[in-house]
Amino acid sequence: MMIYTGEIAGLATAICWTATAMSFQYASRRIGSVSVNLIRMVFAFVFYLIYSRIVLGQWLPLDASPEAWLYLGISGLIGFVIGDYFLFKSYEYVSSKISMLIMSTAPAFAALLGWIMIKDPFTWMNFFGMALVMLGVAVVILKKDTESGKRRMRYPVKGILFAFGGAIGQGVGSVFSKIGMADNDPFASSQIRVIIGLIGFTIMISFMKHWKNLFEGVKDKKASKALVIGSFFGPFLGVSLGMVAFKYTSLGVASTLMATVPVFILLPSHIILKEKLTLNEVVGAIIAVMGIAIFFVKI
């Protein structure tokens, strides 16, 4: 029997990201997105140290090549520091289910970048899939003004723009992750990204002079609990499973399965976070995921 390691890892990643998105939404609204980003990186780094020592027999992936460190480091800076900063900032304005819906555009951005930078094929089906994803997003975030008859945002524009910034960051980061991982262990590859991300956020929080806010946030027990949960299922388990998916299946299949978060998150956000669930959100999420699937059809 064929074992679909990459495909299973892709779906598991989506489930992990569902848990982490809700956890970090809660924490970001209590202590701020910058503090959440650095603290969750610290937690993730500790998880990786323990895993690496027990499973790989070393604390740090020092056996990785300079090229792997370079590309995975770039991925960590773009995906974690820039992309996740924007994503977590969006949680301060819109719910995680809306942010995750917009994040479903990340695979399209990744493929588009590959077409521009390294001349990867980009077919009419790719364009159609991208258009369908954007339609799904539009169904959710836009509504018709009864007075003017024009379409306008249902949610704060800042939150939507920050979420799109997160999607672009993740899309670009995934391209560099695929290049840098090569034959390296997926968890070790993720650890490199987290190390660079931790350094990046440390510099950022120093530049922004937010250390006081950070220390106050650590004292928030409810936020800290959410951070531990989110850090385990996000930058540790979720990101690593995503690397497993990239390693054992195609970038397109992995990205499609990982982008099903907008569907997975609808029911938990309604039950756990008590957020209203609308028909527009359900239809938009399904359209977006269908668009991602079509985006990677090979004909």
Protein backbone atom coordinates (compact mmCIF):
# COMPACT_ATOMS: atom_id res chain seq x y z
CA MET A 1 0.00 0.00 0.00
CA MET A 2 1.34 3.40 -0.96
CA ILE A 3 1.94 5.72 1.95
CA TYR A 4 1.10 9.34 1.18
CA THR A 5 3.57 10.84 3.64
CA GLY A 6 3.69 14.28 2.01
CA GLU A 7 -0.07 14.54 1.54
CA ILE A 8 -0.83 13.47 5.13
CA ALA A 9 1.76 15.95 6.39
CA GLY A 10 0.13 18.70 4.33
CA LEU A 11 -3.30 18.10 5.86
CA ALA A 12 -1.78 17.80 9.35
CA THR A 13 -0.08 21.15 8.76
CA ALA A 14 -3.44 22.76 7.98
CA ILE A 15 -4.91 21.38 11.21
CA CYS A 16 -1.92 22.65 13.20
CA TRP A 17 -2.17 26.09 11.63
CA THR A 18 -5.85 26.22 12.50
CA ALA A 19 -4.99 25.77 16.19
CA THR A 20 -2.10 28.21 16.08
CA ALA A 21 -4.07 30.91 14.23
CA MET A 22 -6.77 31.00 16.91
CA SER A 23 -4.21 30.88 19.72
CA PHE A 24 -2.16 33.75 18.31
CA GLN A 25 -5.25 35.82 17.53
CA TYR A 26 -6.18 35.62 21.20
CA ALA A 27 -2.65 36.42 22.39
CA SER A 28 -2.08 39.25 19.88
CA ARG A 29 -5.16 41.09 21.05
CA ARG A 30 -3.99 40.84 24.67
CA ILE A 31 -0.30 41.74 24.41
CA GLY A 32 0.34 42.93 20.83
CA SER A 33 1.63 41.24 17.70
CA VAL A 34 5.33 42.14 18.08
CA SER A 35 5.55 40.62 21.57
CA VAL A 36 3.67 37.51 20.43
CA ASN A 37 6.06 37.00 17.52
CA LEU A 38 9.22 37.07 19.62
CA ILE A 39 7.84 35.03 22.52
CA ARG A 40 6.49 32.29 20.26
CA MET A 41 9.90 32.12 18.55
CA VAL A 42 11.56 31.56 21.92
CA PHE A 43 9.10 28.76 22.76
CA ALA A 44 9.57 27.21 19.31
CA PHE A 45 13.36 27.37 19.65
CA VAL A 46 13.16 25.47 22.96
CA PHE A 47 10.94 22.81 21.35
CA TYR A 48 13.47 22.40 18.53
CA LEU A 49 16.41 22.13 20.93
CA ILE A 50 14.69 19.28 22.77
CA TYR A 51 13.67 17.51 19.56
CA SER A 52 17.09 17.88 17.93
CA ARG A 53 18.94 16.60 20.97
CA ILE A 54 16.68 13.55 21.42
CA VAL A 55 16.07 12.59 17.78
CA LEU A 56 19.06 13.96 15.87
CA GLY A 57 21.64 13.72 18.63
CA GLN A 58 22.67 17.36 18.44
CA TRP A 59 21.39 20.65 19.81
CA LEU A 60 21.75 22.66 16.59
CA PRO A 61 21.82 21.75 12.86
CA LEU A 62 25.53 22.58 12.53
CA ASP A 63 25.96 19.85 9.91
CA ALA A 64 23.79 21.75 7.42
CA SER A 65 25.67 23.27 4.46
CA PRO A 66 26.35 27.02 4.18
CA GLU A 67 24.00 27.05 1.17
CA ALA A 68 21.20 25.53 3.27
CA TRP A 69 21.76 28.12 5.99
CA LEU A 70 21.68 30.88 3.38
CA TYR A 71 18.43 29.91 1.67
CA LEU A 72 16.66 28.76 4.83
CA GLY A 73 17.86 31.91 6.57
CA ILE A 74 16.37 34.05 3.79
CA SER A 75 13.17 32.02 4.11
CA GLY A 76 13.12 32.66 7.86
CA LEU A 77 13.58 36.40 7.42
CA ILE A 78 10.93 36.74 4.72
CA GLY A 79 8.47 34.12 5.96
CA PHE A 80 8.73 34.60 9.72
CA VAL A 81 10.00 38.12 10.37
CA ILE A 82 8.26 39.99 7.56
CA GLY A 83 5.37 37.70 6.64
CA ASP A 84 4.36 36.68 10.15
CA TYR A 85 4.73 40.22 11.46
CA PHE A 86 2.10 41.32 8.95
CA LEU A 87 -0.07 38.27 9.61
CA PHE A 88 -0.05 38.74 13.39
CA LYS A 89 -0.65 42.45 12.97
CA SER A 90 -3.78 41.58 10.98
CA TYR A 91 -5.12 39.67 14.02
CA GLU A 92 -5.40 43.00 15.83
CA TYR A 93 -7.95 44.19 13.25
CA VAL A 94 -9.71 41.11 11.83
CA SER A 95 -10.38 37.57 13.04
CA SER A 96 -8.01 34.69 12.36
CA LYS A 97 -10.52 33.03 10.01
CA ILE A 98 -10.47 36.12 7.75
CA SER A 99 -6.67 36.34 7.91
CA MET A 100 -6.33 32.64 7.10
CA LEU A 101 -8.68 33.00 4.14
CA ILE A 102 -6.47 35.74 2.72
CA MET A 103 -3.41 33.61 3.50
CA SER A 104 -4.81 31.03 1.07
CA THR A 105 -3.43 33.28 -1.67
CA ALA A 106 0.14 32.45 -0.55
CA PRO A 107 0.59 29.44 -2.91
CA ALA A 108 -0.43 31.62 -5.85
CA PHE A 109 2.11 34.26 -4.87
CA ALA A 110 4.75 31.53 -4.53
CA ALA A 111 4.03 30.15 -8.01
CA LEU A 112 3.91 33.63 -9.53
CA LEU A 113 7.29 34.45 -8.00
CA GLY A 114 8.71 31.20 -9.39
CA TRP A 115 7.47 32.16 -12.84
CA ILE A 116 9.05 35.62 -12.62
CA MET A 117 12.36 34.65 -10.98
CA ILE A 118 13.23 31.16 -12.20
CA LYS A 119 10.95 30.87 -15.24
CA ASP A 120 8.73 28.12 -13.82
CA PRO A 121 5.76 27.38 -16.13
CA PHE A 122 2.67 29.49 -15.48
CA THR A 123 -0.33 28.31 -17.52
CA TRP A 124 -3.81 29.64 -18.19
CA MET A 125 -5.06 27.19 -15.56
CA ASN A 126 -2.77 28.86 -13.06
CA PHE A 127 -4.32 32.22 -13.90
CA PHE A 128 -7.81 30.74 -13.62
CA GLY A 129 -7.01 29.18 -10.25
CA MET A 130 -5.56 32.44 -8.96
CA ALA A 131 -8.66 34.30 -10.13
CA LEU A 132 -10.87 31.78 -8.32
CA VAL A 133 -8.90 32.18 -5.09
CA MET A 134 -9.25 35.95 -5.32
CA LEU A 135 -12.99 35.53 -5.99
CA GLY A 136 -13.34 33.44 -2.84
CA VAL A 137 -11.56 36.11 -0.83
CA ALA A 138 -13.67 38.85 -2.41
CA VAL A 139 -16.93 37.04 -1.57
CA VAL A 140 -15.98 37.24 2.11
CA ILE A 141 -14.31 40.64 2.48
CA LEU A 142 -16.51 42.72 0.14
CA LYS A 143 -20.15 43.71 0.46
CA LYS A 144 -22.52 45.87 -1.54
CA ASP A 145 -23.30 49.33 -0.17
CA THR A 146 -27.09 49.69 -0.19
CA GLU A 147 -26.91 53.44 -0.82
CA SER A 148 -24.25 53.77 -3.51
CA GLY A 149 -24.54 50.27 -4.94
CA LYS A 150 -20.74 49.95 -4.88
CA ARG A 151 -18.66 47.25 -3.24
CA ARG A 152 -16.83 48.11 -0.03
CA MET A 153 -14.89 46.31 2.67
CA ARG A 154 -16.73 44.40 5.38
CA TYR A 155 -13.64 44.58 7.59
CA PRO A 156 -10.96 47.18 8.48
CA VAL A 157 -8.74 47.89 5.47
CA LYS A 158 -5.60 47.77 7.63
CA GLY A 159 -6.36 44.22 8.70
CA ILE A 160 -6.93 43.10 5.11
CA LEU A 161 -3.71 44.71 3.86
CA PHE A 162 -1.67 43.24 6.71
CA ALA A 163 -3.08 39.78 5.93
CA PHE A 164 -2.15 40.12 2.25
CA GLY A 165 1.35 41.15 3.37
CA GLY A 166 1.51 37.95 5.39
CA ALA A 167 0.41 35.89 2.38
CA ILE A 168 3.10 37.39 0.15
CA GLY A 169 5.73 36.81 2.83
CA GLN A 170 4.74 33.17 3.28
CA GLY A 171 4.60 32.58 -0.47
CA VAL A 172 8.09 33.98 -1.03
CA GLY A 173 9.42 32.17 2.05
CA SER A 174 8.13 28.80 0.83
CA VAL A 175 10.11 29.11 -2.40
CA PHE A 176 13.38 29.64 -0.50
CA SER A 177 12.45 26.84 1.95
CA LYS A 178 12.06 24.37 -0.92
CA ILE A 179 15.46 25.35 -2.31
CA GLY A 180 17.28 25.36 1.01
CA MET A 181 15.92 22.16 2.49
CA ALA A 182 17.16 19.78 -0.26
CA ASP A 183 18.04 16.51 1.53
CA ASN A 184 18.22 18.01 5.02
CA ASP A 185 15.98 16.84 7.85
CA PRO A 186 12.70 18.84 7.75
CA PHE A 187 12.80 19.61 11.49
CA ALA A 188 16.46 20.68 11.31
CA SER A 189 15.60 22.90 8.32
CA SER A 190 12.76 24.48 10.28
CA GLN A 191 15.09 25.01 13.23
CA ILE A 192 17.40 27.08 11.02
CA ARG A 193 14.44 29.22 9.94
CA VAL A 194 13.39 29.70 13.56
CA ILE A 195 16.92 30.67 14.64
CA ILE A 196 17.12 33.36 11.97
CA GLY A 197 13.55 34.43 12.72
CA LEU A 198 14.39 34.75 16.42
CA ILE A 199 17.41 36.93 15.62
CA GLY A 200 15.32 39.04 13.25
CA PHE A 201 12.54 39.65 15.77
CA THR A 202 15.08 40.45 18.51
CA ILE A 203 16.54 43.17 16.29
CA MET A 204 13.05 44.40 15.38
CA ILE A 205 11.81 44.64 18.96
CA SER A 206 15.03 46.42 19.99
CA PHE A 207 14.65 48.91 17.14
CA MET A 208 11.00 49.52 18.05
CA LYS A 209 11.88 49.76 21.78
CA HIS A 210 9.14 47.30 22.77
CA TRP A 211 11.05 45.37 25.43
CA LYS A 212 8.89 46.82 28.20
CA ASN A 213 5.73 45.65 26.42
CA LEU A 214 7.31 42.24 25.96
CA PHE A 215 8.09 41.75 29.65
CA GLU A 216 4.59 42.90 30.59
CA GLY A 217 3.15 40.43 28.08
CA VAL A 218 5.07 37.54 29.62
CA LYS A 219 3.26 38.21 32.91
CA ASP A 220 -0.13 37.75 31.23
CA LYS A 221 -0.95 34.13 32.15
CA LYS A 222 -3.83 33.76 29.69
CA ALA A 223 -1.75 35.10 26.81
CA SER A 224 1.21 32.91 27.83
CA LYS A 225 -0.94 29.78 27.79
CA ALA A 226 -2.20 30.63 24.31
CA LEU A 227 1.39 31.31 23.22
CA VAL A 228 2.62 27.90 24.38
CA ILE A 229 -0.20 26.17 22.48
CA GLY A 230 0.29 28.31 19.39
CA SER A 231 4.08 27.93 19.43
CA PHE A 232 3.89 24.15 19.61
CA PHE A 233 1.34 23.76 16.82
CA GLY A 234 2.72 26.63 14.73
CA PRO A 235 6.47 27.33 14.32
CA PHE A 236 7.40 23.90 15.76
CA LEU A 237 5.02 21.14 14.67
CA GLY A 238 3.08 22.93 11.93
CA VAL A 239 6.06 24.44 10.11
CA SER A 240 8.03 21.18 10.37
CA LEU A 241 5.15 19.13 9.01
CA GLY A 242 4.94 21.65 6.20
CA MET A 243 8.62 21.00 5.43
CA VAL A 244 7.86 17.24 5.44
CA ALA A 245 5.07 17.89 2.94
CA PHE A 246 7.40 19.92 0.70
CA LYS A 247 9.98 17.13 0.85
CA TYR A 248 7.76 14.15 0.06
CA THR A 249 5.30 15.63 -2.41
CA SER A 250 5.20 18.41 -4.98
CA LEU A 251 5.14 22.06 -3.98
CA GLY A 252 1.72 22.40 -5.59
CA VAL A 253 0.08 19.47 -3.79
CA ALA A 254 1.64 20.43 -0.45
CA SER A 255 0.62 24.07 -0.81
CA THR A 256 -2.93 23.13 -1.76
CA LEU A 257 -3.43 20.84 1.24
CA MET A 258 -1.80 23.32 3.62
CA ALA A 259 -4.05 26.07 2.30
CA THR A 260 -7.24 24.32 3.47
CA VAL A 261 -6.98 26.20 6.78
CA PRO A 262 -9.81 28.63 5.80
CA VAL A 263 -12.20 25.65 5.75
CA PHE A 264 -10.83 23.90 8.86
CA ILE A 265 -10.94 27.08 10.95
CA LEU A 266 -14.60 27.98 10.37
CA LEU A 267 -16.21 25.61 12.88
CA PRO A 268 -13.57 25.88 15.67
CA SER A 269 -13.63 29.69 15.54
CA HIS A 270 -17.41 29.57 15.89
CA ILE A 271 -17.38 27.06 18.78
CA ILE A 272 -14.24 28.13 20.68
CA LEU A 273 -13.94 31.86 19.93
CA LYS A 274 -17.73 32.36 19.71
CA GLU A 275 -17.42 34.15 16.35
CA LYS A 276 -20.43 34.44 14.09
CA LEU A 277 -20.31 32.11 11.09
CA THR A 278 -21.85 33.49 7.89
CA LEU A 279 -22.80 31.88 4.61
CA ASN A 280 -20.44 34.24 2.78
CA GLU A 281 -17.50 32.94 4.84
CA VAL A 282 -18.32 29.30 4.13
CA VAL A 283 -18.85 29.84 0.39
CA GLY A 284 -15.78 32.08 0.07
CA ALA A 285 -13.52 29.60 1.87
CA ILE A 286 -14.68 26.71 -0.32
CA ILE A 287 -14.22 28.74 -3.52
CA ALA A 288 -10.72 29.79 -2.43
CA VAL A 289 -9.61 26.21 -1.68
CA MET A 290 -11.08 25.03 -5.01
CA GLY A 291 -9.11 27.77 -6.71
CA ILE A 292 -5.88 26.60 -5.07
CA ALA A 293 -6.56 23.03 -6.23
CA ILE A 294 -7.24 24.17 -9.81
CA PHE A 295 -4.19 26.42 -9.68
CA PHE A 296 -1.90 23.41 -9.55
CA VAL A 297 -3.69 21.22 -12.10
CA LYS A 298 -1.26 19.96 -14.73
CA ILE A 299 -2.76 19.75 -18.25
